[in-house]
Amino acid sequence: MWKRLATKPLTWVLAVALLGAVAFGGYWFQPWKLVTDEVVDEAVPVAQVPAPQTTEPDTDPADPASASPEPTSSAPASPSPAGNQLIAAGEFVTHEHETTGTAQLIRLADGGHQLVLRDFATSNGPDLRVWLSDQPVIDGRDGWFVFDDGRWAELDRLKGNRGNQVYDIPDDVDLDALTSVSIWCKRFSVSFGAADLSA
């Protein structure tokens, strides 16, 4: 009789512990996200590609014919065209999960900056963030864990694992130093995919 009574509380304790473990595992890993998509289709800014900088031709001081003509006016050079400017871009490479699309860094006409993800696709997952980083993008497993090793700036949670999306970049982010973008799983400290941002 005593044995039968003693096993009932133990069974309840085990059942509660098992349910707690299942609930925690579900929250932590969120396995349903591997089979669901969150699609985003934001309006992306139109941007011009800046014209390449021209350099003065070499001149030979001993050859008067090679000398540049004297300027006829002291007027300043014309300003760059008004509008948004594409200043850097790169294609995503796959890290822990297959990731495709293009990352674009755009300087807006008002002086602000945005990161645009075009035709973007990756796996859904828990706690995904959009990071700018100073780390190089490395193919394969060696590149999965590097983005929290150096400097980084978190722009926002990933809005969706598919589609066009836009992220505002705060004015205090050093865009000269942060030259890559990673879709970073903050919970497990791993990159789903990343892109170098090249001029």
C-alpha atoms as a PDB file:
ATOM      1  CA  MET A   1       0.000   0.000   0.000  1.00  0.00           C
ATOM      2  CA  TRP A   2       2.780   2.430   0.937  1.00  0.00           C
ATOM      3  CA  LYS A   3       4.690   1.703  -2.268  1.00  0.00           C
ATOM      4  CA  ARG A   4       1.620   2.437  -4.370  1.00  0.00           C
ATOM      5  CA  LEU A   5       1.039   5.786  -2.621  1.00  0.00           C
ATOM      6  CA  ALA A   6       4.710   6.784  -2.838  1.00  0.00           C
ATOM      7  CA  THR A   7       4.912   6.237  -6.602  1.00  0.00           C
ATOM      8  CA  LYS A   8       1.987   8.566  -7.384  1.00  0.00           C
ATOM      9  CA  PRO A   9       3.767  11.803  -6.289  1.00  0.00           C
ATOM     10  CA  LEU A  10       6.921  10.650  -8.069  1.00  0.00           C
ATOM     11  CA  THR A  11       4.961  10.062 -11.295  1.00  0.00           C
ATOM     12  CA  TRP A  12       3.446  13.559 -11.080  1.00  0.00           C
ATOM     13  CA  VAL A  13       6.862  15.112 -10.505  1.00  0.00           C
ATOM     14  CA  LEU A  14       8.283  13.317 -13.539  1.00  0.00           C
ATOM     15  CA  ALA A  15       5.279  14.292 -15.681  1.00  0.00           C
ATOM     16  CA  VAL A  16       5.567  17.971 -14.682  1.00  0.00           C
ATOM     17  CA  ALA A  17       9.330  17.931 -15.298  1.00  0.00           C
ATOM     18  CA  LEU A  18       8.835  16.359 -18.729  1.00  0.00           C
ATOM     19  CA  LEU A  19       6.190  18.910 -19.700  1.00  0.00           C
ATOM     20  CA  GLY A  20       8.468  21.710 -18.494  1.00  0.00           C
ATOM     21  CA  ALA A  21      11.364  20.371 -20.573  1.00  0.00           C
ATOM     22  CA  VAL A  22       9.168  20.105 -23.685  1.00  0.00           C
ATOM     23  CA  ALA A  23       7.837  23.655 -23.195  1.00  0.00           C
ATOM     24  CA  PHE A  24      11.337  25.055 -22.674  1.00  0.00           C
ATOM     25  CA  GLY A  25      12.718  23.192 -25.695  1.00  0.00           C
ATOM     26  CA  GLY A  26       9.850  24.447 -27.829  1.00  0.00           C
ATOM     27  CA  TYR A  27      10.444  28.037 -26.745  1.00  0.00           C
ATOM     28  CA  TRP A  28      14.228  27.848 -27.096  1.00  0.00           C
ATOM     29  CA  PHE A  29      14.485  26.030 -30.434  1.00  0.00           C
ATOM     30  CA  GLN A  30      11.120  26.991 -32.004  1.00  0.00           C
ATOM     31  CA  PRO A  31      11.283  24.020 -34.413  1.00  0.00           C
ATOM     32  CA  TRP A  32       8.057  25.008 -36.206  1.00  0.00           C
ATOM     33  CA  LYS A  33       9.921  27.935 -37.754  1.00  0.00           C
ATOM     34  CA  LEU A  34      11.899  25.528 -39.920  1.00  0.00           C
ATOM     35  CA  VAL A  35       8.712  24.725 -41.846  1.00  0.00           C
ATOM     36  CA  THR A  36       7.065  28.172 -41.863  1.00  0.00           C
ATOM     37  CA  ASP A  37       7.928  31.346 -43.777  1.00  0.00           C
ATOM     38  CA  GLU A  38       7.463  34.997 -42.874  1.00  0.00           C
ATOM     39  CA  VAL A  39       7.258  36.928 -46.136  1.00  0.00           C
ATOM     40  CA  VAL A  40       7.974  40.669 -46.286  1.00  0.00           C
ATOM     41  CA  ASP A  41       7.518  42.861 -49.365  1.00  0.00           C
ATOM     42  CA  GLU A  42       8.509  46.416 -48.448  1.00  0.00           C
ATOM     43  CA  ALA A  43       8.936  49.233 -50.958  1.00  0.00           C
ATOM     44  CA  VAL A  44      12.675  49.569 -51.533  1.00  0.00           C
ATOM     45  CA  PRO A  45      14.294  52.917 -52.385  1.00  0.00           C
ATOM     46  CA  VAL A  46      15.436  53.581 -55.933  1.00  0.00           C
ATOM     47  CA  ALA A  47      19.127  54.482 -55.962  1.00  0.00           C
ATOM     48  CA  GLN A  48      21.602  55.716 -58.563  1.00  0.00           C
ATOM     49  CA  VAL A  49      25.009  54.146 -58.989  1.00  0.00           C
ATOM     50  CA  PRO A  50      27.616  56.921 -58.519  1.00  0.00           C
ATOM     51  CA  ALA A  51      29.685  57.772 -61.584  1.00  0.00           C
ATOM     52  CA  PRO A  52      33.313  56.609 -61.305  1.00  0.00           C
ATOM     53  CA  GLN A  53      35.826  59.236 -60.204  1.00  0.00           C
ATOM     54  CA  THR A  54      37.974  60.536 -63.064  1.00  0.00           C
ATOM     55  CA  THR A  55      41.665  61.256 -62.548  1.00  0.00           C
ATOM     56  CA  GLU A  56      43.790  63.872 -64.227  1.00  0.00           C
ATOM     57  CA  PRO A  57      46.030  62.483 -67.006  1.00  0.00           C
ATOM     58  CA  ASP A  58      49.750  62.247 -66.286  1.00  0.00           C
ATOM     59  CA  THR A  59      51.716  65.221 -67.584  1.00  0.00           C
ATOM     60  CA  ASP A  60      55.374  65.483 -68.499  1.00  0.00           C
ATOM     61  CA  PRO A  61      56.838  68.832 -67.409  1.00  0.00           C
ATOM     62  CA  ALA A  62      59.379  68.626 -70.293  1.00  0.00           C
ATOM     63  CA  ASP A  63      56.590  68.225 -72.874  1.00  0.00           C
ATOM     64  CA  PRO A  64      54.445  71.378 -73.146  1.00  0.00           C
ATOM     65  CA  ALA A  65      51.918  69.525 -75.306  1.00  0.00           C
ATOM     66  CA  SER A  66      51.077  67.172 -72.435  1.00  0.00           C
ATOM     67  CA  ALA A  67      50.316  69.942 -69.967  1.00  0.00           C
ATOM     68  CA  SER A  68      46.701  70.413 -68.983  1.00  0.00           C
ATOM     69  CA  PRO A  69      45.146  73.652 -70.142  1.00  0.00           C
ATOM     70  CA  GLU A  70      44.694  76.343 -67.545  1.00  0.00           C
ATOM     71  CA  PRO A  71      41.177  76.409 -66.091  1.00  0.00           C
ATOM     72  CA  THR A  72      39.056  79.154 -67.576  1.00  0.00           C
ATOM     73  CA  SER A  73      36.871  79.514 -64.485  1.00  0.00           C
ATOM     74  CA  SER A  74      37.325  79.216 -60.740  1.00  0.00           C
ATOM     75  CA  ALA A  75      33.768  77.923 -60.233  1.00  0.00           C
ATOM     76  CA  PRO A  76      33.518  74.913 -57.886  1.00  0.00           C
ATOM     77  CA  ALA A  77      32.889  71.450 -59.293  1.00  0.00           C
ATOM     78  CA  SER A  78      29.257  70.598 -59.765  1.00  0.00           C
ATOM     79  CA  PRO A  79      27.688  68.709 -56.847  1.00  0.00           C
ATOM     80  CA  SER A  80      26.736  65.070 -57.151  1.00  0.00           C
ATOM     81  CA  PRO A  81      23.270  64.462 -58.556  1.00  0.00           C
ATOM     82  CA  ALA A  82      20.405  64.748 -56.110  1.00  0.00           C
ATOM     83  CA  GLY A  83      18.721  61.552 -55.010  1.00  0.00           C
ATOM     84  CA  ASN A  84      19.570  58.265 -53.362  1.00  0.00           C
ATOM     85  CA  GLN A  85      23.016  56.763 -54.017  1.00  0.00           C
ATOM     86  CA  LEU A  86      23.996  53.094 -53.971  1.00  0.00           C
ATOM     87  CA  ILE A  87      27.320  53.089 -52.132  1.00  0.00           C
ATOM     88  CA  ALA A  88      27.966  49.373 -51.532  1.00  0.00           C
ATOM     89  CA  ALA A  89      26.414  45.997 -52.298  1.00  0.00           C
ATOM     90  CA  GLY A  90      27.058  42.277 -52.074  1.00  0.00           C
ATOM     91  CA  GLU A  91      25.505  38.856 -52.635  1.00  0.00           C
ATOM     92  CA  PHE A  92      24.607  36.655 -49.674  1.00  0.00           C
ATOM     93  CA  VAL A  93      26.507  33.418 -49.102  1.00  0.00           C
ATOM     94  CA  THR A  94      25.112  30.486 -47.154  1.00  0.00           C
ATOM     95  CA  HIS A  95      26.272  29.766 -43.626  1.00  0.00           C
ATOM     96  CA  GLU A  96      24.260  27.553 -41.255  1.00  0.00           C
ATOM     97  CA  HIS A  97      21.134  27.805 -43.442  1.00  0.00           C
ATOM     98  CA  GLU A  98      20.805  28.361 -47.192  1.00  0.00           C
ATOM     99  CA  THR A  99      20.659  32.115 -47.775  1.00  0.00           C
ATOM    100  CA  THR A 100      20.337  34.034 -51.055  1.00  0.00           C
ATOM    101  CA  GLY A 101      19.698  37.596 -52.179  1.00  0.00           C
ATOM    102  CA  THR A 102      21.460  40.946 -52.377  1.00  0.00           C
ATOM    103  CA  ALA A 103      22.381  43.405 -49.616  1.00  0.00           C
ATOM    104  CA  GLN A 104      22.607  47.070 -50.624  1.00  0.00           C
ATOM    105  CA  LEU A 105      23.857  50.045 -48.627  1.00  0.00           C
ATOM    106  CA  ILE A 106      22.086  53.205 -49.771  1.00  0.00           C
ATOM    107  CA  ARG A 107      22.756  56.841 -48.920  1.00  0.00           C
ATOM    108  CA  LEU A 108      19.429  58.639 -49.002  1.00  0.00           C
ATOM    109  CA  ALA A 109      18.914  62.084 -50.502  1.00  0.00           C
ATOM    110  CA  ASP A 110      18.396  63.479 -46.980  1.00  0.00           C
ATOM    111  CA  GLY A 111      21.792  62.162 -45.822  1.00  0.00           C
ATOM    112  CA  GLY A 112      20.529  59.119 -43.932  1.00  0.00           C
ATOM    113  CA  HIS A 113      21.450  55.514 -44.730  1.00  0.00           C
ATOM    114  CA  GLN A 114      19.477  52.320 -45.201  1.00  0.00           C
ATOM    115  CA  LEU A 115      20.349  48.664 -45.644  1.00  0.00           C
ATOM    116  CA  VAL A 116      18.158  47.001 -48.268  1.00  0.00           C
ATOM    117  CA  LEU A 117      17.755  43.241 -48.637  1.00  0.00           C
ATOM    118  CA  ARG A 118      16.521  42.443 -52.164  1.00  0.00           C
ATOM    119  CA  ASP A 119      15.112  39.092 -53.303  1.00  0.00           C
ATOM    120  CA  PHE A 120      16.158  37.785 -49.904  1.00  0.00           C
ATOM    121  CA  ALA A 121      15.554  34.230 -48.693  1.00  0.00           C
ATOM    122  CA  THR A 122      16.809  32.189 -45.748  1.00  0.00           C
ATOM    123  CA  SER A 123      15.406  29.700 -43.246  1.00  0.00           C
ATOM    124  CA  ASN A 124      13.197  30.977 -40.492  1.00  0.00           C
ATOM    125  CA  GLY A 125      14.621  30.645 -37.009  1.00  0.00           C
ATOM    126  CA  PRO A 126      14.585  31.927 -33.444  1.00  0.00           C
ATOM    127  CA  ASP A 127      15.921  35.358 -32.513  1.00  0.00           C
ATOM    128  CA  LEU A 128      17.290  36.360 -35.939  1.00  0.00           C
ATOM    129  CA  ARG A 129      18.885  39.797 -36.160  1.00  0.00           C
ATOM    130  CA  VAL A 130      20.355  41.959 -38.923  1.00  0.00           C
ATOM    131  CA  TRP A 131      23.948  42.889 -38.074  1.00  0.00           C
ATOM    132  CA  LEU A 132      26.534  45.092 -39.732  1.00  0.00           C
ATOM    133  CA  SER A 133      30.019  43.832 -38.880  1.00  0.00           C
ATOM    134  CA  ASP A 134      33.706  44.503 -39.432  1.00  0.00           C
ATOM    135  CA  GLN A 135      34.391  40.791 -40.005  1.00  0.00           C
ATOM    136  CA  PRO A 136      35.064  39.392 -43.494  1.00  0.00           C
ATOM    137  CA  VAL A 137      32.573  36.976 -45.014  1.00  0.00           C
ATOM    138  CA  ILE A 138      34.065  33.480 -45.106  1.00  0.00           C
ATOM    139  CA  ASP A 139      32.481  30.622 -47.042  1.00  0.00           C
ATOM    140  CA  GLY A 140      31.689  27.409 -45.236  1.00  0.00           C
ATOM    141  CA  ARG A 141      31.577  26.496 -41.566  1.00  0.00           C
ATOM    142  CA  ASP A 142      34.595  28.684 -40.728  1.00  0.00           C
ATOM    143  CA  GLY A 143      32.408  31.734 -41.386  1.00  0.00           C
ATOM    144  CA  TRP A 144      29.480  30.744 -39.160  1.00  0.00           C
ATOM    145  CA  PHE A 145      30.697  32.164 -35.853  1.00  0.00           C
ATOM    146  CA  VAL A 146      32.969  35.147 -36.628  1.00  0.00           C
ATOM    147  CA  PHE A 147      30.583  38.089 -36.624  1.00  0.00           C
ATOM    148  CA  ASP A 148      30.529  38.677 -32.864  1.00  0.00           C
ATOM    149  CA  ASP A 149      34.349  38.528 -32.683  1.00  0.00           C
ATOM    150  CA  GLY A 150      34.900  42.156 -33.655  1.00  0.00           C
ATOM    151  CA  ARG A 151      32.787  45.297 -33.958  1.00  0.00           C
ATOM    152  CA  TRP A 152      29.143  45.023 -34.952  1.00  0.00           C
ATOM    153  CA  ALA A 153      25.937  47.038 -34.956  1.00  0.00           C
ATOM    154  CA  GLU A 154      22.503  45.471 -34.655  1.00  0.00           C
ATOM    155  CA  LEU A 155      19.977  47.176 -36.922  1.00  0.00           C
ATOM    156  CA  ASP A 156      16.828  45.269 -35.924  1.00  0.00           C
ATOM    157  CA  ARG A 157      15.205  41.865 -35.706  1.00  0.00           C
ATOM    158  CA  LEU A 158      14.904  40.227 -39.119  1.00  0.00           C
ATOM    159  CA  LYS A 159      11.473  41.263 -40.387  1.00  0.00           C
ATOM    160  CA  GLY A 160      10.926  38.102 -42.414  1.00  0.00           C
ATOM    161  CA  ASN A 161      12.924  35.232 -43.810  1.00  0.00           C
ATOM    162  CA  ARG A 162      11.764  35.984 -47.374  1.00  0.00           C
ATOM    163  CA  GLY A 163      11.236  39.080 -49.485  1.00  0.00           C
ATOM    164  CA  ASN A 164      12.409  42.662 -49.941  1.00  0.00           C
ATOM    165  CA  GLN A 165      13.028  44.580 -46.730  1.00  0.00           C
ATOM    166  CA  VAL A 166      14.561  47.863 -45.569  1.00  0.00           C
ATOM    167  CA  TYR A 167      16.439  48.711 -42.352  1.00  0.00           C
ATOM    168  CA  ASP A 168      17.304  52.224 -41.186  1.00  0.00           C
ATOM    169  CA  ILE A 169      20.922  52.668 -40.091  1.00  0.00           C
ATOM    170  CA  PRO A 170      21.476  54.979 -37.092  1.00  0.00           C
ATOM    171  CA  ASP A 171      23.651  58.033 -37.731  1.00  0.00           C
ATOM    172  CA  ASP A 172      26.267  56.930 -35.176  1.00  0.00           C
ATOM    173  CA  VAL A 173      27.074  53.665 -37.021  1.00  0.00           C
ATOM    174  CA  ASP A 174      30.558  53.801 -38.594  1.00  0.00           C
ATOM    175  CA  LEU A 175      29.904  52.582 -42.128  1.00  0.00           C
ATOM    176  CA  ASP A 176      33.577  52.879 -43.078  1.00  0.00           C
ATOM    177  CA  ALA A 177      34.449  50.223 -40.480  1.00  0.00           C
ATOM    178  CA  LEU A 178      31.450  47.889 -40.808  1.00  0.00           C
ATOM    179  CA  THR A 179      31.771  46.270 -44.218  1.00  0.00           C
ATOM    180  CA  SER A 180      29.618  43.136 -44.044  1.00  0.00           C
ATOM    181  CA  VAL A 181      26.080  42.142 -43.109  1.00  0.00           C
ATOM    182  CA  SER A 182      25.068  38.957 -41.306  1.00  0.00           C
ATOM    183  CA  ILE A 183      21.717  37.399 -40.555  1.00  0.00           C
ATOM    184  CA  TRP A 184      22.711  36.541 -37.011  1.00  0.00           C
ATOM    185  CA  CYS A 185      20.933  34.049 -34.755  1.00  0.00           C
ATOM    186  CA  LYS A 186      21.532  35.757 -31.445  1.00  0.00           C
ATOM    187  CA  ARG A 187      20.217  32.857 -29.383  1.00  0.00           C
ATOM    188  CA  PHE A 188      22.778  30.379 -30.724  1.00  0.00           C
ATOM    189  CA  SER A 189      25.519  32.848 -31.829  1.00  0.00           C
ATOM    190  CA  VAL A 190      25.631  31.659 -35.429  1.00  0.00           C
ATOM    191  CA  SER A 191      25.272  33.283 -38.851  1.00  0.00           C
ATOM    192  CA  PHE A 192      22.525  31.978 -41.148  1.00  0.00           C
ATOM    193  CA  GLY A 193      24.084  33.844 -44.103  1.00  0.00           C
ATOM    194  CA  ALA A 194      26.190  36.925 -44.814  1.00  0.00           C
ATOM    195  CA  ALA A 195      27.271  39.350 -47.536  1.00  0.00           C
ATOM    196  CA  ASP A 196      30.317  41.543 -48.062  1.00  0.00           C
ATOM    197  CA  LEU A 197      29.414  45.165 -48.779  1.00  0.00           C
ATOM    198  CA  SER A 198      31.753  46.299 -51.557  1.00  0.00           C
ATOM    199  CA  ALA A 199      31.776  49.711 -53.200  1.00  0.00           C
END
